[in-house]
Amino acid sequence: MVDLYLLPQVAFPTGGLYFKNQTMVQETKGLHVIIHNNYITGFEKKKKCFRDFGLWFVDDYAVLESPLGRI
């Protein structure tokens, strides 16, 4: 037997729910664990969407070294 639980939408919103709902963006700011970008196809389009919402941080840290190697 496996226990199954639904993730709360405030902490784990789907892309369509988050990116198309400005009210949700404002009311849940800072409460997210991860925001899925699952309603857009194409890597560059996904990156642009995250950038437009201020959620793309990879380029900011691209020159840093981590214990696991280059990020």
PDB file of N, CA and C in Angstrom:
ATOM      1  N   MET A   1       0.833  -1.157   0.000  1.00  0.00           N
ATOM      2  CA  MET A   1       0.000   0.000   0.000  1.00  0.00           C
ATOM      3  C   MET A   1       0.899   1.248   0.000  1.00  0.00           C
ATOM      4  N   VAL A   2       0.477   2.245  -0.748  1.00  0.00           N
ATOM      5  CA  VAL A   2       1.213   3.502  -0.849  1.00  0.00           C
ATOM      6  C   VAL A   2       0.273   4.637  -0.459  1.00  0.00           C
ATOM      7  N   ASP A   3       0.757   5.513   0.401  1.00  0.00           N
ATOM      8  CA  ASP A   3      -0.022   6.703   0.725  1.00  0.00           C
ATOM      9  C   ASP A   3       0.143   7.713  -0.396  1.00  0.00           C
ATOM     10  N   LEU A   4      -0.930   8.364  -0.768  1.00  0.00           N
ATOM     11  CA  LEU A   4      -0.926   9.340  -1.846  1.00  0.00           C
ATOM     12  C   LEU A   4      -1.506  10.639  -1.333  1.00  0.00           C
ATOM     13  N   TYR A   5      -0.809  11.728  -1.572  1.00  0.00           N
ATOM     14  CA  TYR A   5      -1.274  13.040  -1.129  1.00  0.00           C
ATOM     15  C   TYR A   5      -1.189  14.017  -2.287  1.00  0.00           C
ATOM     16  N   LEU A   6      -2.108  14.935  -2.352  1.00  0.00           N
ATOM     17  CA  LEU A   6      -2.070  15.999  -3.345  1.00  0.00           C
ATOM     18  C   LEU A   6      -1.212  17.130  -2.811  1.00  0.00           C
ATOM     19  N   LEU A   7      -0.412  17.714  -3.684  1.00  0.00           N
ATOM     20  CA  LEU A   7       0.393  18.859  -3.285  1.00  0.00           C
ATOM     21  C   LEU A   7      -0.482  20.107  -3.265  1.00  0.00           C
ATOM     22  N   PRO A   8      -0.308  20.991  -2.283  1.00  0.00           N
ATOM     23  CA  PRO A   8      -1.120  22.212  -2.234  1.00  0.00           C
ATOM     24  C   PRO A   8      -0.782  23.136  -3.406  1.00  0.00           C
ATOM     25  N   GLN A   9      -1.801  23.662  -4.059  1.00  0.00           N
ATOM     26  CA  GLN A   9      -1.602  24.498  -5.236  1.00  0.00           C
ATOM     27  C   GLN A   9      -0.886  25.805  -4.912  1.00  0.00           C
ATOM     28  N   VAL A  10      -0.992  26.287  -3.702  1.00  0.00           N
ATOM     29  CA  VAL A  10      -0.286  27.518  -3.332  1.00  0.00           C
ATOM     30  C   VAL A  10       1.216  27.288  -3.380  1.00  0.00           C
ATOM     31  N   ALA A  11       1.680  26.162  -2.905  1.00  0.00           N
ATOM     32  CA  ALA A  11       3.113  25.866  -2.866  1.00  0.00           C
ATOM     33  C   ALA A  11       3.625  25.278  -4.176  1.00  0.00           C
ATOM     34  N   PHE A  12       2.777  24.583  -4.922  1.00  0.00           N
ATOM     35  CA  PHE A  12       3.184  23.885  -6.143  1.00  0.00           C
ATOM     36  C   PHE A  12       2.219  24.191  -7.296  1.00  0.00           C
ATOM     37  N   PRO A  13       2.057  25.464  -7.674  1.00  0.00           N
ATOM     38  CA  PRO A  13       1.072  25.775  -8.721  1.00  0.00           C
ATOM     39  C   PRO A  13       1.517  25.279 -10.096  1.00  0.00           C
ATOM     40  N   THR A  14       0.549  24.907 -10.905  1.00  0.00           N
ATOM     41  CA  THR A  14       0.836  24.573 -12.295  1.00  0.00           C
ATOM     42  C   THR A  14       1.077  25.867 -13.063  1.00  0.00           C
ATOM     43  N   GLY A  15       1.724  25.746 -14.206  1.00  0.00           N
ATOM     44  CA  GLY A  15       2.013  26.931 -15.006  1.00  0.00           C
ATOM     45  C   GLY A  15       0.764  27.684 -15.426  1.00  0.00           C
ATOM     46  N   GLY A  16      -0.213  26.955 -15.912  1.00  0.00           N
ATOM     47  CA  GLY A  16      -1.446  27.604 -16.350  1.00  0.00           C
ATOM     48  C   GLY A  16      -2.151  28.331 -15.225  1.00  0.00           C
ATOM     49  N   LEU A  17      -2.137  27.760 -14.054  1.00  0.00           N
ATOM     50  CA  LEU A  17      -2.775  28.393 -12.897  1.00  0.00           C
ATOM     51  C   LEU A  17      -2.001  29.633 -12.459  1.00  0.00           C
ATOM     52  N   TYR A  18      -0.688  29.541 -12.402  1.00  0.00           N
ATOM     53  CA  TYR A  18       0.128  30.643 -11.898  1.00  0.00           C
ATOM     54  C   TYR A  18       0.307  31.764 -12.918  1.00  0.00           C
ATOM     55  N   PHE A  19       0.817  31.436 -14.094  1.00  0.00           N
ATOM     56  CA  PHE A  19       1.207  32.459 -15.054  1.00  0.00           C
ATOM     57  C   PHE A  19       0.026  33.160 -15.716  1.00  0.00           C
ATOM     58  N   LYS A  20      -1.126  32.561 -15.692  1.00  0.00           N
ATOM     59  CA  LYS A  20      -2.298  33.187 -16.308  1.00  0.00           C
ATOM     60  C   LYS A  20      -3.235  33.825 -15.290  1.00  0.00           C
ATOM     61  N   ASN A  21      -2.812  33.903 -14.033  1.00  0.00           N
ATOM     62  CA  ASN A  21      -3.681  34.407 -12.975  1.00  0.00           C
ATOM     63  C   ASN A  21      -2.912  35.411 -12.116  1.00  0.00           C
ATOM     64  N   GLN A  22      -2.977  36.684 -12.503  1.00  0.00           N
ATOM     65  CA  GLN A  22      -2.226  37.726 -11.809  1.00  0.00           C
ATOM     66  C   GLN A  22      -2.615  37.837 -10.334  1.00  0.00           C
ATOM     67  N   THR A  23      -3.859  37.564 -10.008  1.00  0.00           N
ATOM     68  CA  THR A  23      -4.295  37.591  -8.614  1.00  0.00           C
ATOM     69  C   THR A  23      -3.539  36.551  -7.796  1.00  0.00           C
ATOM     70  N   MET A  24      -3.394  35.349  -8.352  1.00  0.00           N
ATOM     71  CA  MET A  24      -2.663  34.307  -7.642  1.00  0.00           C
ATOM     72  C   MET A  24      -1.205  34.708  -7.449  1.00  0.00           C
ATOM     73  N   VAL A  25      -0.594  35.296  -8.473  1.00  0.00           N
ATOM     74  CA  VAL A  25       0.799  35.739  -8.389  1.00  0.00           C
ATOM     75  C   VAL A  25       0.962  36.689  -7.206  1.00  0.00           C
ATOM     76  N   GLN A  26       0.073  37.654  -7.084  1.00  0.00           N
ATOM     77  CA  GLN A  26       0.173  38.660  -6.021  1.00  0.00           C
ATOM     78  C   GLN A  26      -0.148  38.078  -4.649  1.00  0.00           C
ATOM     79  N   GLU A  27      -1.191  37.270  -4.555  1.00  0.00           N
ATOM     80  CA  GLU A  27      -1.645  36.770  -3.251  1.00  0.00           C
ATOM     81  C   GLU A  27      -0.771  35.654  -2.680  1.00  0.00           C
ATOM     82  N   THR A  28       0.015  34.983  -3.530  1.00  0.00           N
ATOM     83  CA  THR A  28       0.810  33.855  -3.044  1.00  0.00           C
ATOM     84  C   THR A  28       2.313  34.105  -3.147  1.00  0.00           C
ATOM     85  N   LYS A  29       2.711  35.335  -3.391  1.00  0.00           N
ATOM     86  CA  LYS A  29       4.134  35.654  -3.549  1.00  0.00           C
ATOM     87  C   LYS A  29       4.928  35.197  -2.325  1.00  0.00           C
ATOM     88  N   GLY A  30       6.008  34.460  -2.581  1.00  0.00           N
ATOM     89  CA  GLY A  30       6.873  33.987  -1.515  1.00  0.00           C
ATOM     90  C   GLY A  30       6.437  32.683  -0.857  1.00  0.00           C
ATOM     91  N   LEU A  31       5.319  32.123  -1.284  1.00  0.00           N
ATOM     92  CA  LEU A  31       4.811  30.898  -0.672  1.00  0.00           C
ATOM     93  C   LEU A  31       5.078  29.652  -1.520  1.00  0.00           C
ATOM     94  N   HIS A  32       5.776  29.819  -2.641  1.00  0.00           N
ATOM     95  CA  HIS A  32       5.961  28.717  -3.580  1.00  0.00           C
ATOM     96  C   HIS A  32       7.201  27.895  -3.281  1.00  0.00           C
ATOM     97  N   VAL A  33       7.081  26.615  -3.491  1.00  0.00           N
ATOM     98  CA  VAL A  33       8.222  25.709  -3.432  1.00  0.00           C
ATOM     99  C   VAL A  33       8.771  25.554  -4.851  1.00  0.00           C
ATOM    100  N   ILE A  34       7.877  25.341  -5.786  1.00  0.00           N
ATOM    101  CA  ILE A  34       8.235  25.223  -7.205  1.00  0.00           C
ATOM    102  C   ILE A  34       7.033  25.678  -8.026  1.00  0.00           C
ATOM    103  N   ILE A  35       7.313  26.321  -9.140  1.00  0.00           N
ATOM    104  CA  ILE A  35       6.258  26.725 -10.071  1.00  0.00           C
ATOM    105  C   ILE A  35       6.513  25.962 -11.360  1.00  0.00           C
ATOM    106  N   HIS A  36       5.571  25.143 -11.744  1.00  0.00           N
ATOM    107  CA  HIS A  36       5.706  24.344 -12.953  1.00  0.00           C
ATOM    108  C   HIS A  36       5.500  25.231 -14.172  1.00  0.00           C
ATOM    109  N   ASN A  37       6.239  24.974 -15.199  1.00  0.00           N
ATOM    110  CA  ASN A  37       6.083  25.693 -16.466  1.00  0.00           C
ATOM    111  C   ASN A  37       5.639  24.687 -17.510  1.00  0.00           C
ATOM    112  N   ASN A  38       4.610  23.946 -17.165  1.00  0.00           N
ATOM    113  CA  ASN A  38       4.218  22.773 -17.942  1.00  0.00           C
ATOM    114  C   ASN A  38       3.181  23.036 -19.024  1.00  0.00           C
ATOM    115  N   TYR A  39       2.746  24.247 -19.173  1.00  0.00           N
ATOM    116  CA  TYR A  39       1.740  24.495 -20.197  1.00  0.00           C
ATOM    117  C   TYR A  39       2.348  25.133 -21.440  1.00  0.00           C
ATOM    118  N   ILE A  40       3.674  25.383 -21.410  1.00  0.00           N
ATOM    119  CA  ILE A  40       4.392  25.979 -22.538  1.00  0.00           C
ATOM    120  C   ILE A  40       5.302  24.908 -23.141  1.00  0.00           C
ATOM    121  N   THR A  41       5.365  24.874 -24.459  1.00  0.00           N
ATOM    122  CA  THR A  41       6.286  23.939 -25.113  1.00  0.00           C
ATOM    123  C   THR A  41       7.487  24.718 -25.638  1.00  0.00           C
ATOM    124  N   GLY A  42       8.657  24.123 -25.517  1.00  0.00           N
ATOM    125  CA  GLY A  42       9.885  24.740 -26.006  1.00  0.00           C
ATOM    126  C   GLY A  42      10.684  25.375 -24.886  1.00  0.00           C
ATOM    127  N   PHE A  43      11.964  24.999 -24.808  1.00  0.00           N
ATOM    128  CA  PHE A  43      12.831  25.457 -23.721  1.00  0.00           C
ATOM    129  C   PHE A  43      12.976  26.980 -23.695  1.00  0.00           C
ATOM    130  N   GLU A  44      13.213  27.604 -24.836  1.00  0.00           N
ATOM    131  CA  GLU A  44      13.397  29.062 -24.878  1.00  0.00           C
ATOM    132  C   GLU A  44      12.129  29.801 -24.440  1.00  0.00           C
ATOM    133  N   LYS A  45      10.972  29.288 -24.814  1.00  0.00           N
ATOM    134  CA  LYS A  45       9.702  29.904 -24.392  1.00  0.00           C
ATOM    135  C   LYS A  45       9.518  29.771 -22.881  1.00  0.00           C
ATOM    136  N   LYS A  46       9.905  28.624 -22.336  1.00  0.00           N
ATOM    137  CA  LYS A  46       9.808  28.421 -20.884  1.00  0.00           C
ATOM    138  C   LYS A  46      10.745  29.388 -20.148  1.00  0.00           C
ATOM    139  N   LYS A  47      11.993  29.514 -20.649  1.00  0.00           N
ATOM    140  CA  LYS A  47      12.949  30.447 -20.039  1.00  0.00           C
ATOM    141  C   LYS A  47      12.420  31.872 -20.081  1.00  0.00           C
ATOM    142  N   LYS A  48      11.864  32.280 -21.225  1.00  0.00           N
ATOM    143  CA  LYS A  48      11.325  33.634 -21.363  1.00  0.00           C
ATOM    144  C   LYS A  48      10.194  33.881 -20.359  1.00  0.00           C
ATOM    145  N   CYS A  49       9.328  32.909 -20.202  1.00  0.00           N
ATOM    146  CA  CYS A  49       8.225  33.047 -19.251  1.00  0.00           C
ATOM    147  C   CYS A  49       8.761  33.233 -17.829  1.00  0.00           C
ATOM    148  N   PHE A  50       9.717  32.393 -17.433  1.00  0.00           N
ATOM    149  CA  PHE A  50      10.311  32.537 -16.102  1.00  0.00           C
ATOM    150  C   PHE A  50      11.001  33.891 -15.960  1.00  0.00           C
ATOM    151  N   ARG A  51      11.713  34.322 -16.989  1.00  0.00           N
ATOM    152  CA  ARG A  51      12.375  35.634 -16.932  1.00  0.00           C
ATOM    153  C   ARG A  51      11.354  36.759 -16.791  1.00  0.00           C
ATOM    154  N   ASP A  52      10.292  36.700 -17.579  1.00  0.00           N
ATOM    155  CA  ASP A  52       9.255  37.741 -17.539  1.00  0.00           C
ATOM    156  C   ASP A  52       8.645  37.889 -16.151  1.00  0.00           C
ATOM    157  N   PHE A  53       8.594  36.798 -15.395  1.00  0.00           N
ATOM    158  CA  PHE A  53       8.018  36.824 -14.051  1.00  0.00           C
ATOM    159  C   PHE A  53       9.085  36.935 -12.957  1.00  0.00           C
ATOM    160  N   GLY A  54      10.346  37.145 -13.366  1.00  0.00           N
ATOM    161  CA  GLY A  54      11.423  37.292 -12.396  1.00  0.00           C
ATOM    162  C   GLY A  54      11.772  36.006 -11.668  1.00  0.00           C
ATOM    163  N   LEU A  55      11.590  34.871 -12.340  1.00  0.00           N
ATOM    164  CA  LEU A  55      11.805  33.576 -11.704  1.00  0.00           C
ATOM    165  C   LEU A  55      12.959  32.789 -12.320  1.00  0.00           C
ATOM    166  N   TRP A  56      13.738  33.399 -13.209  1.00  0.00           N
ATOM    167  CA  TRP A  56      14.869  32.703 -13.841  1.00  0.00           C
ATOM    168  C   TRP A  56      16.158  33.205 -13.213  1.00  0.00           C
ATOM    169  N   PHE A  57      16.851  32.354 -12.485  1.00  0.00           N
ATOM    170  CA  PHE A  57      18.048  32.752 -11.754  1.00  0.00           C
ATOM    171  C   PHE A  57      19.311  32.059 -12.241  1.00  0.00           C
ATOM    172  N   VAL A  58      19.197  31.145 -13.169  1.00  0.00           N
ATOM    173  CA  VAL A  58      20.330  30.329 -13.600  1.00  0.00           C
ATOM    174  C   VAL A  58      21.453  31.193 -14.157  1.00  0.00           C
ATOM    175  N   ASP A  59      21.144  32.131 -15.027  1.00  0.00           N
ATOM    176  CA  ASP A  59      22.182  32.951 -15.639  1.00  0.00           C
ATOM    177  C   ASP A  59      22.933  33.795 -14.621  1.00  0.00           C
ATOM    178  N   ASP A  60      22.275  34.182 -13.532  1.00  0.00           N
ATOM    179  CA  ASP A  60      22.909  34.990 -12.488  1.00  0.00           C
ATOM    180  C   ASP A  60      24.044  34.240 -11.808  1.00  0.00           C
ATOM    181  N   TYR A  61      23.978  32.931 -11.793  1.00  0.00           N
ATOM    182  CA  TYR A  61      24.953  32.121 -11.081  1.00  0.00           C
ATOM    183  C   TYR A  61      25.786  31.238 -12.015  1.00  0.00           C
ATOM    184  N   ALA A  62      25.714  31.486 -13.303  1.00  0.00           N
ATOM    185  CA  ALA A  62      26.370  30.617 -14.272  1.00  0.00           C
ATOM    186  C   ALA A  62      27.893  30.629 -14.157  1.00  0.00           C
ATOM    187  N   VAL A  63      28.490  31.686 -13.624  1.00  0.00           N
ATOM    188  CA  VAL A  63      29.948  31.767 -13.546  1.00  0.00           C
ATOM    189  C   VAL A  63      30.481  31.280 -12.210  1.00  0.00           C
ATOM    190  N   LEU A  64      29.619  30.940 -11.283  1.00  0.00           N
ATOM    191  CA  LEU A  64      30.055  30.484  -9.974  1.00  0.00           C
ATOM    192  C   LEU A  64      30.391  29.000  -9.990  1.00  0.00           C
ATOM    193  N   GLU A  65      31.239  28.610  -9.088  1.00  0.00           N
ATOM    194  CA  GLU A  65      31.574  27.202  -8.932  1.00  0.00           C
ATOM    195  C   GLU A  65      30.842  26.650  -7.723  1.00  0.00           C
ATOM    196  N   SER A  66      30.364  25.447  -7.840  1.00  0.00           N
ATOM    197  CA  SER A  66      29.746  24.764  -6.718  1.00  0.00           C
ATOM    198  C   SER A  66      30.633  23.559  -6.349  1.00  0.00           C
ATOM    199  N   PRO A  67      30.396  22.954  -5.201  1.00  0.00           N
ATOM    200  CA  PRO A  67      31.171  21.752  -4.855  1.00  0.00           C
ATOM    201  C   PRO A  67      30.996  20.627  -5.874  1.00  0.00           C
ATOM    202  N   LEU A  68      29.932  20.677  -6.642  1.00  0.00           N
ATOM    203  CA  LEU A  68      29.657  19.636  -7.639  1.00  0.00           C
ATOM    204  C   LEU A  68      30.192  19.990  -9.011  1.00  0.00           C
ATOM    205  N   GLY A  69      30.826  21.151  -9.126  1.00  0.00           N
ATOM    206  CA  GLY A  69      31.335  21.600 -10.420  1.00  0.00           C
ATOM    207  C   GLY A  69      30.602  22.844 -10.881  1.00  0.00           C
ATOM    208  N   ARG A  70      30.841  23.234 -12.093  1.00  0.00           N
ATOM    209  CA  ARG A  70      30.233  24.443 -12.639  1.00  0.00           C
ATOM    210  C   ARG A  70      28.721  24.288 -12.735  1.00  0.00           C
ATOM    211  N   ILE A  71      28.016  25.330 -12.350  1.00  0.00           N
ATOM    212  CA  ILE A  71      26.546  25.311 -12.391  1.00  0.00           C
ATOM    213  C   ILE A  71      26.086  25.562 -13.823  1.00  0.00           C
TER     214      ILE A  71
END
